[in-house]
Amino acid sequence: MRRIMKLTTKTIAALALSTSLASAADVEVLHWWTSGGEAAALNVLKQDLEGQSIGWQDMPVAGGGGEAAMTVLRARVTAGNAPTAVQMLGFDIQDWAKQNALANLNDVAAKEGWDAVVPDALKAFSKADGKWVSAPVNVHSTNWVWANKAVLDANGIDVPKTWEEFTAALDTLAAAGVTPIAHGGQPWQDATVFDAVAMSAGGPEFYKAAFIDLDEKALGSDTMKEAFDRMAVIRGHVDDNFSGRDWNLATAMVINGEAGFQMMGDWAKGEFVNAGKEPGKDFVCFRFPGTQDQVTFNADQFAMFDQGGTVSPEQAALASAILSPEFQSAFNVVKGSAPARTDVSDAAFDACGKKGMKDLAAAAASGNLFGSMAHGHSAPASVKNAMYDVITAHFNGEYDSETAVVELVDAVSIAK
């Protein structure tokens, strides 16, 4: 999903050539789900389509939250050879819709009643100009902390509920010779942590003002400096080898008891499940301290690319399969996320899954459900990438907190 991949012109051409041979009865799917837990979840969708005699032409492009996949996609579309379906996030969907590159899924949506069961927060990205252009697979929430229960128990640590309790737990683990925080030093991972830290430092009104409204006063505030100060504390509790580490390798550190905590979206749970671990017994899941009543989210969706003016039978079948209640349950149980439909039972989900669904529903009802800045659901990619640059530079010690605030204001102003 997140491993860095260098894309040369030769690599892109080879990928395009190898995938141009898909038969009419196949769906060619471009995605970045390559970790163990993600591959297991994706297999649920493959098997569903195989049961309908539809083949799956797999086109995985690993790397940093989909950036590498989007590079390949642009080359494919430019060459007139768009894939059948592409995994996408947030504003990327809307950007392609504005280019009239996506197929109109309204017939499938109307037949199956998507409008009545998909939350408005997802429809804001799934629909463009009144047309359904993508099928949401899930709702991920990003402000989670994952912890090794045996490590916490051995060090007398209870689940922290405040920033002060969390920092005390980090100090305890450091004193015991345990890496307090497992982290991968990649811009999207740094930003994922910053999402939760900023929400914790300033609350939901501040988060909305800064990352959704892009209000200059909020971006340049003392609260933003406090968020950067807290990031500096977190930076002091990661191991020396964090730079460039893939997210799932950081998760493995927690699974194996090498680290106490990881701040990561709920796709991390798929790695615990894939390793045979159980919530409450082997690991603990909780919201980042200070964000217990808020949820920041992103949603994986499959956008269907226009294949000549009509939706192909295979695209319609794929879209239908993705939004079926049965698939929504089976897939998200494995993936760690919540269903993209509001009418799916939580009966098959484990304790963390049930909590995720309950938290999501409560946040949506209270107005505390916000698109994740780190995952392209609060602002367009240009703004997100500008924020990435500042957040990562600060995390790596290039800026102090005061300078980072000034740089953030400038970067967003230019990117807008």
Protein backbone atom coordinates (compact mmCIF):
# COMPACT_ATOMS: atom_id res chain seq x y z
CA MET A 1 0.00 0.00 0.00
CA ARG A 2 2.57 2.51 1.06
CA ARG A 3 5.98 1.28 -0.08
CA ILE A 4 7.96 3.77 -2.15
CA MET A 5 8.36 2.86 -5.82
CA LYS A 6 10.49 4.79 -8.27
CA LEU A 7 8.58 5.21 -11.51
CA THR A 8 10.64 5.61 -14.64
CA THR A 9 9.25 6.12 -18.13
CA LYS A 10 10.28 2.56 -18.91
CA THR A 11 8.46 1.21 -15.85
CA ILE A 12 5.24 3.05 -16.71
CA ALA A 13 5.37 1.87 -20.33
CA ALA A 14 5.87 -1.72 -19.22
CA LEU A 15 2.95 -1.52 -16.83
CA ALA A 16 0.73 -0.06 -19.53
CA LEU A 17 1.72 -2.76 -22.03
CA SER A 18 1.27 -5.63 -19.59
CA THR A 19 -2.22 -4.53 -18.64
CA SER A 20 -3.52 -3.71 -22.11
CA LEU A 21 -4.18 -7.40 -22.73
CA ALA A 22 -7.14 -7.66 -20.32
CA SER A 23 -10.10 -9.42 -21.92
CA ALA A 24 -13.55 -7.90 -22.28
CA ALA A 25 -14.82 -10.15 -19.47
CA ASP A 26 -12.24 -8.89 -17.02
CA VAL A 27 -11.91 -5.86 -14.79
CA GLU A 28 -8.49 -4.28 -14.66
CA VAL A 29 -8.04 -2.72 -11.24
CA LEU A 30 -5.31 -0.24 -10.36
CA HIS A 31 -4.68 -0.04 -6.60
CA TRP A 32 -2.01 0.25 -3.91
CA TRP A 33 -3.15 -2.42 -1.45
CA THR A 34 -0.03 -4.53 -1.09
CA SER A 35 0.48 -5.26 2.63
CA GLY A 36 -0.60 -8.62 4.05
CA GLY A 37 -3.79 -7.38 5.66
CA GLU A 38 -4.74 -5.32 2.62
CA ALA A 39 -4.12 -8.16 0.18
CA ALA A 40 -6.33 -10.43 2.29
CA ALA A 41 -9.13 -7.86 2.20
CA LEU A 42 -8.79 -7.29 -1.54
CA ASN A 43 -9.10 -11.04 -2.10
CA VAL A 44 -12.68 -10.82 -0.79
CA LEU A 45 -13.57 -8.60 -3.76
CA LYS A 46 -11.70 -10.78 -6.24
CA GLN A 47 -13.56 -13.87 -5.08
CA ASP A 48 -16.90 -12.07 -5.27
CA LEU A 49 -16.31 -11.23 -8.94
CA GLU A 50 -14.95 -14.68 -9.73
CA GLY A 51 -18.27 -16.04 -8.50
CA GLN A 52 -19.87 -13.97 -11.28
CA SER A 53 -17.40 -15.32 -13.89
CA ILE A 54 -15.62 -11.97 -14.08
CA GLY A 55 -11.84 -12.12 -14.17
CA TRP A 56 -9.56 -9.81 -12.20
CA GLN A 57 -6.59 -8.17 -13.87
CA ASP A 58 -4.51 -7.00 -10.93
CA MET A 59 -2.43 -3.85 -11.23
CA PRO A 60 -0.86 -3.10 -7.84
CA VAL A 61 1.38 -0.04 -7.64
CA ALA A 62 2.80 0.23 -4.14
CA GLY A 63 3.77 3.52 -2.62
CA GLY A 64 2.89 6.32 -0.25
CA GLY A 65 -0.85 6.65 0.00
CA GLY A 66 -1.42 6.24 -3.75
CA GLU A 67 0.90 8.91 -5.14
CA ALA A 68 2.81 6.37 -7.25
CA ALA A 69 -0.45 4.81 -8.46
CA MET A 70 -1.72 8.22 -9.56
CA THR A 71 1.47 8.75 -11.57
CA VAL A 72 0.87 5.49 -13.41
CA LEU A 73 -2.79 6.38 -13.90
CA ARG A 74 -1.97 9.71 -15.54
CA ALA A 75 0.34 7.93 -17.98
CA ARG A 76 -2.31 5.33 -18.79
CA VAL A 77 -5.04 7.90 -19.42
CA THR A 78 -2.72 10.05 -21.52
CA ALA A 79 -1.98 6.98 -23.65
CA GLY A 80 -5.71 6.36 -24.13
CA ASN A 81 -5.58 3.15 -22.12
CA ALA A 82 -7.44 3.85 -18.87
CA PRO A 83 -7.95 0.96 -16.43
CA THR A 84 -11.46 -0.33 -15.74
CA ALA A 85 -11.39 0.87 -12.15
CA VAL A 86 -8.95 2.74 -9.95
CA GLN A 87 -8.65 2.99 -6.18
CA MET A 88 -8.87 6.68 -5.27
CA LEU A 89 -9.18 9.01 -2.32
CA GLY A 90 -11.13 12.20 -1.78
CA PHE A 91 -10.32 15.16 -3.96
CA ASP A 92 -8.51 13.00 -6.54
CA ILE A 93 -11.92 11.60 -7.54
CA GLN A 94 -13.33 15.07 -8.04
CA ASP A 95 -10.30 16.15 -10.05
CA TRP A 96 -10.78 13.30 -12.55
CA ALA A 97 -14.53 13.93 -12.68
CA LYS A 98 -13.87 17.54 -13.71
CA GLN A 99 -11.87 16.16 -16.64
CA ASN A 100 -14.91 14.08 -17.72
CA ALA A 101 -12.80 10.96 -17.40
CA LEU A 102 -15.16 8.96 -15.17
CA ALA A 103 -18.15 6.82 -16.07
CA ASN A 104 -21.67 7.66 -14.91
CA LEU A 105 -22.86 5.04 -12.39
CA ASN A 106 -26.31 6.57 -11.81
CA ASP A 107 -28.21 3.60 -13.27
CA VAL A 108 -26.53 1.15 -10.88
CA ALA A 109 -26.89 3.56 -7.97
CA ALA A 110 -30.58 4.17 -8.60
CA LYS A 111 -31.35 0.48 -9.02
CA GLU A 112 -29.66 -0.38 -5.74
CA GLY A 113 -30.59 2.69 -3.68
CA TRP A 114 -27.13 4.01 -2.90
CA ASP A 115 -28.36 7.50 -2.07
CA ALA A 116 -30.36 6.23 0.90
CA VAL A 117 -27.53 4.26 2.54
CA VAL A 118 -24.24 6.06 1.77
CA PRO A 119 -23.41 8.89 4.24
CA ASP A 120 -23.36 12.44 2.87
CA ALA A 121 -19.69 12.82 3.86
CA LEU A 122 -18.80 10.07 1.38
CA LYS A 123 -21.23 11.20 -1.31
CA ALA A 124 -19.41 14.53 -1.37
CA PHE A 125 -16.55 12.66 -3.05
CA SER A 126 -18.48 9.83 -4.78
CA LYS A 127 -20.73 12.17 -6.79
CA ALA A 128 -19.94 14.98 -9.21
CA ASP A 129 -22.58 17.21 -10.79
CA GLY A 130 -25.27 14.87 -9.51
CA LYS A 131 -23.67 11.78 -11.02
CA TRP A 132 -22.23 8.83 -9.16
CA VAL A 133 -18.67 8.40 -10.46
CA SER A 134 -17.18 6.07 -7.86
CA ALA A 135 -18.19 3.30 -5.49
CA PRO A 136 -17.05 3.71 -1.86
CA VAL A 137 -15.57 0.57 -0.36
CA ASN A 138 -15.20 1.63 3.25
CA VAL A 139 -14.75 4.40 5.75
CA HIS A 140 -11.37 4.47 7.44
CA SER A 141 -10.87 6.58 10.52
CA THR A 142 -7.38 7.88 11.04
CA ASN A 143 -7.12 9.11 14.65
CA TRP A 144 -6.45 5.69 16.20
CA VAL A 145 -3.68 4.49 18.49
CA TRP A 146 -2.68 0.81 18.47
CA ALA A 147 -0.87 -0.69 21.43
CA ASN A 148 0.67 -3.99 22.45
CA LYS A 149 -1.33 -5.07 25.50
CA ALA A 150 1.44 -7.20 27.02
CA VAL A 151 3.86 -4.27 26.81
CA LEU A 152 1.38 -1.93 28.48
CA ASP A 153 0.54 -4.46 31.20
CA ALA A 154 4.20 -5.20 31.91
CA ASN A 155 4.84 -1.51 32.49
CA GLY A 156 1.68 -0.72 34.45
CA ILE A 157 0.23 1.53 31.75
CA ASP A 158 -3.51 2.08 31.39
CA VAL A 159 -5.02 3.38 28.18
CA PRO A 160 -4.18 7.11 28.26
CA LYS A 161 -7.10 9.50 27.96
CA THR A 162 -5.24 12.83 27.91
CA TRP A 163 -2.12 14.19 26.28
CA GLU A 164 -0.45 14.34 29.69
CA GLU A 165 -1.25 10.69 30.41
CA PHE A 166 0.03 9.74 26.97
CA THR A 167 3.36 11.52 27.40
CA ALA A 168 3.76 9.93 30.84
CA ALA A 169 3.25 6.51 29.23
CA LEU A 170 5.87 7.33 26.59
CA ASP A 171 8.36 8.28 29.30
CA THR A 172 7.64 5.04 31.18
CA LEU A 173 8.32 2.91 28.11
CA ALA A 174 11.48 4.83 27.28
CA ALA A 175 12.77 4.27 30.82
CA ALA A 176 12.04 0.56 30.45
CA GLY A 177 14.07 0.33 27.26
CA VAL A 178 11.06 -0.15 24.99
CA THR A 179 10.61 1.99 21.87
CA PRO A 180 7.60 4.10 22.86
CA ILE A 181 6.27 4.85 19.36
CA ALA A 182 6.57 2.80 16.19
CA HIS A 183 6.61 5.19 13.26
CA GLY A 184 7.50 5.26 9.60
CA GLY A 185 9.18 8.46 8.47
CA GLN A 186 7.24 9.12 5.27
CA PRO A 187 5.38 12.38 4.68
CA TRP A 188 1.90 10.83 4.66
CA GLN A 189 2.67 9.02 7.95
CA ASP A 190 3.98 12.18 9.58
CA ALA A 191 0.81 13.96 8.46
CA THR A 192 -1.41 11.13 9.78
CA VAL A 193 0.06 11.67 13.24
CA PHE A 194 -0.24 15.43 12.87
CA ASP A 195 -3.94 15.08 12.01
CA ALA A 196 -4.64 13.56 15.42
CA VAL A 197 -2.22 15.78 17.31
CA ALA A 198 -3.75 18.96 15.88
CA MET A 199 -7.28 17.79 16.64
CA SER A 200 -6.22 16.95 20.20
CA ALA A 201 -4.47 20.29 20.70
CA GLY A 202 -7.23 22.50 19.33
CA GLY A 203 -10.47 20.55 19.13
CA PRO A 204 -12.89 20.14 16.24
CA GLU A 205 -13.56 23.85 15.57
CA PHE A 206 -9.85 24.52 15.25
CA TYR A 207 -9.36 21.48 13.01
CA LYS A 208 -12.14 22.57 10.67
CA ALA A 209 -10.90 26.16 10.53
CA ALA A 210 -7.30 25.18 9.82
CA PHE A 211 -7.54 22.15 7.55
CA ILE A 212 -10.92 22.43 5.83
CA ASP A 213 -11.59 26.18 5.74
CA LEU A 214 -7.84 26.91 5.44
CA ASP A 215 -8.31 29.93 7.66
CA GLU A 216 -5.05 31.86 7.89
CA LYS A 217 -5.68 32.91 11.49
CA ALA A 218 -6.09 29.28 12.59
CA LEU A 219 -3.10 28.14 10.54
CA GLY A 220 -0.90 30.80 12.14
CA SER A 221 -2.26 30.49 15.68
CA ASP A 222 -0.65 29.64 19.01
CA THR A 223 -2.73 26.45 18.90
CA MET A 224 -0.94 25.39 15.73
CA LYS A 225 2.38 26.05 17.44
CA GLU A 226 1.21 23.83 20.31
CA ALA A 227 0.45 21.09 17.78
CA PHE A 228 3.98 21.34 16.38
CA ASP A 229 5.39 21.34 19.92
CA ARG A 230 3.56 18.09 20.59
CA MET A 231 4.91 16.62 17.37
CA ALA A 232 8.39 17.38 18.65
CA VAL A 233 7.61 15.34 21.77
CA ILE A 234 6.50 12.43 19.61
CA ARG A 235 9.64 12.76 17.48
CA GLY A 236 11.68 12.33 20.65
CA HIS A 237 10.03 8.94 21.30
CA VAL A 238 10.58 7.14 17.98
CA ASP A 239 13.56 4.91 17.27
CA ASP A 240 16.59 6.01 15.26
CA ASN A 241 15.67 3.87 12.23
CA PHE A 242 12.23 5.36 11.56
CA SER A 243 13.11 7.22 8.36
CA GLY A 244 11.51 5.67 5.28
CA ARG A 245 9.97 2.76 7.18
CA ASP A 246 6.75 1.39 5.66
CA TRP A 247 3.67 1.75 7.85
CA ASN A 248 3.06 -2.00 8.11
CA LEU A 249 6.61 -2.58 9.33
CA ALA A 250 5.91 -0.07 12.09
CA THR A 251 2.73 -2.00 12.91
CA ALA A 252 4.81 -5.19 13.08
CA MET A 253 6.99 -3.56 15.75
CA VAL A 254 3.90 -3.21 17.94
CA ILE A 255 2.65 -6.70 17.09
CA ASN A 256 6.04 -8.17 18.05
CA GLY A 257 6.36 -6.20 21.29
CA GLU A 258 9.27 -4.10 20.03
CA ALA A 259 7.27 -0.89 20.52
CA GLY A 260 4.38 0.19 22.67
CA PHE A 261 2.22 2.41 20.45
CA GLN A 262 1.55 3.28 16.83
CA MET A 263 -0.60 6.19 15.64
CA MET A 264 -2.17 4.98 12.43
CA GLY A 265 -5.50 4.60 10.65
CA ASP A 266 -7.62 1.53 11.18
CA TRP A 267 -6.04 -0.32 8.26
CA ALA A 268 -3.39 -1.18 10.86
CA LYS A 269 -5.91 -3.53 12.46
CA GLY A 270 -5.80 -5.66 9.33
CA GLU A 271 -2.15 -6.38 10.08
CA PHE A 272 -2.96 -7.48 13.63
CA VAL A 273 -5.76 -9.71 12.38
CA ASN A 274 -3.57 -11.13 9.63
CA ALA A 275 -1.00 -12.01 12.32
CA GLY A 276 -3.65 -13.89 14.33
CA LYS A 277 -3.93 -11.29 17.09
CA GLU A 278 -7.12 -10.48 18.98
CA PRO A 279 -8.28 -7.08 20.27
CA GLY A 280 -8.41 -6.88 24.06
CA LYS A 281 -6.18 -9.93 24.37
CA ASP A 282 -3.12 -9.12 22.28
CA PHE A 283 -3.62 -5.49 21.32
CA VAL A 284 -5.59 -2.42 22.32
CA CYS A 285 -7.25 0.16 20.07
CA PHE A 286 -8.25 3.62 21.22
CA ARG A 287 -8.70 7.14 19.89
CA PHE A 288 -5.75 9.47 20.15
CA PRO A 289 -6.01 11.13 23.58
CA GLY A 290 -8.12 14.26 23.37
CA THR A 291 -10.00 13.14 20.23
CA GLN A 292 -12.32 10.59 21.84
CA ASP A 293 -15.46 12.29 20.51
CA GLN A 294 -14.13 13.16 17.05
CA VAL A 295 -13.36 11.10 13.97
CA THR A 296 -11.13 12.07 11.06
CA PHE A 297 -11.80 9.85 8.07
CA ASN A 298 -10.82 8.84 4.61
CA ALA A 299 -12.68 6.48 2.31
CA ASP A 300 -11.23 4.16 -0.29
CA GLN A 301 -13.33 4.26 -3.42
CA PHE A 302 -13.14 2.70 -6.85
CA ALA A 303 -13.66 5.23 -9.62
CA MET A 304 -14.84 3.72 -12.90
CA PHE A 305 -13.08 5.18 -15.91
CA ASP A 306 -15.04 5.96 -19.06
CA GLN A 307 -14.50 3.11 -21.50
CA GLY A 308 -16.27 4.72 -24.44
CA GLY A 309 -19.35 6.53 -23.22
CA THR A 310 -21.16 3.71 -21.44
CA VAL A 311 -20.66 1.73 -18.27
CA SER A 312 -19.52 -1.76 -19.22
CA PRO A 313 -21.29 -4.81 -17.72
CA GLU A 314 -18.10 -5.61 -15.85
CA GLN A 315 -17.91 -2.11 -14.35
CA ALA A 316 -21.55 -2.31 -13.32
CA ALA A 317 -20.93 -5.70 -11.71
CA LEU A 318 -17.88 -4.40 -9.87
CA ALA A 319 -19.73 -1.33 -8.58
CA SER A 320 -22.70 -3.47 -7.52
CA ALA A 321 -20.46 -5.95 -5.73
CA ILE A 322 -18.63 -3.20 -3.86
CA LEU A 323 -21.80 -1.66 -2.43
CA SER A 324 -23.58 -4.92 -1.60
CA PRO A 325 -24.21 -5.29 2.16
CA GLU A 326 -22.66 -8.76 2.16
CA PHE A 327 -19.41 -7.55 0.63
CA GLN A 328 -19.32 -4.44 2.80
CA SER A 329 -19.38 -6.63 5.90
CA ALA A 330 -16.99 -9.33 4.67
CA PHE A 331 -14.42 -6.88 3.28
CA ASN A 332 -14.35 -4.45 6.19
CA VAL A 333 -14.13 -7.20 8.79
CA VAL A 334 -10.80 -8.13 7.19
CA LYS A 335 -9.65 -4.61 6.26
CA GLY A 336 -10.20 -3.03 9.68
CA SER A 337 -12.43 -0.25 8.37
CA ALA A 338 -16.14 0.50 8.72
CA PRO A 339 -18.68 -0.15 5.96
CA ALA A 340 -19.54 2.63 3.52
CA ARG A 341 -23.22 1.83 4.05
CA THR A 342 -25.14 2.82 7.17
CA ASP A 343 -27.35 -0.29 7.17
CA VAL A 344 -24.67 -2.97 7.62
CA SER A 345 -24.81 -4.99 10.85
CA ASP A 346 -21.77 -5.00 13.14
CA ALA A 347 -22.43 -8.63 14.16
CA ALA A 348 -19.42 -10.04 12.29
CA PHE A 349 -16.99 -7.36 13.53
CA ASP A 350 -14.57 -7.71 16.45
CA ALA A 351 -14.37 -5.31 19.39
CA CYS A 352 -12.28 -2.71 17.54
CA GLY A 353 -14.52 -2.95 14.50
CA LYS A 354 -17.65 -2.45 16.58
CA LYS A 355 -16.05 0.53 18.31
CA GLY A 356 -15.06 2.03 14.97
CA MET A 357 -18.60 1.75 13.61
CA LYS A 358 -20.10 3.16 16.81
CA ASP A 359 -17.63 6.06 16.90
CA LEU A 360 -18.27 6.86 13.26
CA ALA A 361 -22.04 6.95 13.70
CA ALA A 362 -21.77 9.11 16.81
CA ALA A 363 -19.36 11.56 15.17
CA ALA A 364 -21.58 11.87 12.10
CA ALA A 365 -24.63 12.54 14.30
CA SER A 366 -22.86 15.17 16.42
CA GLY A 367 -21.16 17.00 13.56
CA ASN A 368 -17.71 15.81 14.64
CA LEU A 369 -16.88 13.79 11.52
CA PHE A 370 -14.14 15.49 9.49
CA GLY A 371 -12.25 14.60 6.34
CA SER A 372 -8.63 13.77 7.06
CA MET A 373 -6.08 16.34 5.93
CA ALA A 374 -3.40 13.67 5.71
CA HIS A 375 -5.47 11.49 3.40
CA GLY A 376 -6.80 14.03 0.94
CA HIS A 377 -10.28 14.53 2.37
CA SER A 378 -10.04 18.06 3.76
CA ALA A 379 -8.39 20.02 0.96
CA PRO A 380 -7.15 19.50 -2.62
CA ALA A 381 -3.91 17.67 -3.28
CA SER A 382 -1.90 20.86 -3.85
CA VAL A 383 -2.72 22.06 -0.33
CA LYS A 384 -2.25 18.64 1.22
CA ASN A 385 1.20 18.27 -0.34
CA ALA A 386 2.20 21.77 0.81
CA MET A 387 1.25 20.82 4.36
CA TYR A 388 3.15 17.53 4.03
CA ASP A 389 6.35 19.43 3.21
CA VAL A 390 6.15 21.62 6.31
CA ILE A 391 5.07 18.88 8.70
CA THR A 392 7.84 16.53 7.58
CA ALA A 393 10.48 19.26 7.62
CA HIS A 394 9.53 20.08 11.21
CA PHE A 395 9.47 16.40 12.22
CA ASN A 396 12.96 15.95 10.79
CA GLY A 397 14.29 18.95 12.70
CA GLU A 398 14.57 21.43 9.84
CA TYR A 399 12.19 23.90 11.53
CA ASP A 400 11.41 24.71 15.11
CA SER A 401 7.71 24.99 15.95
CA GLU A 402 7.51 28.76 15.56
CA THR A 403 9.14 28.64 12.14
CA ALA A 404 6.92 25.73 11.10
CA VAL A 405 3.81 27.79 11.78
CA VAL A 406 5.05 30.63 9.57
CA GLU A 407 6.04 28.18 6.83
CA LEU A 408 2.65 26.46 7.02
CA VAL A 409 0.76 29.72 6.51
CA ASP A 410 2.96 30.63 3.54
CA ALA A 411 2.81 27.17 1.99
CA VAL A 412 -1.00 26.98 2.13
CA SER A 413 -1.36 30.52 0.80
CA ILE A 414 0.77 29.65 -2.25
CA ALA A 415 -0.92 26.26 -2.78
CA LYS A 416 -4.43 27.72 -2.77
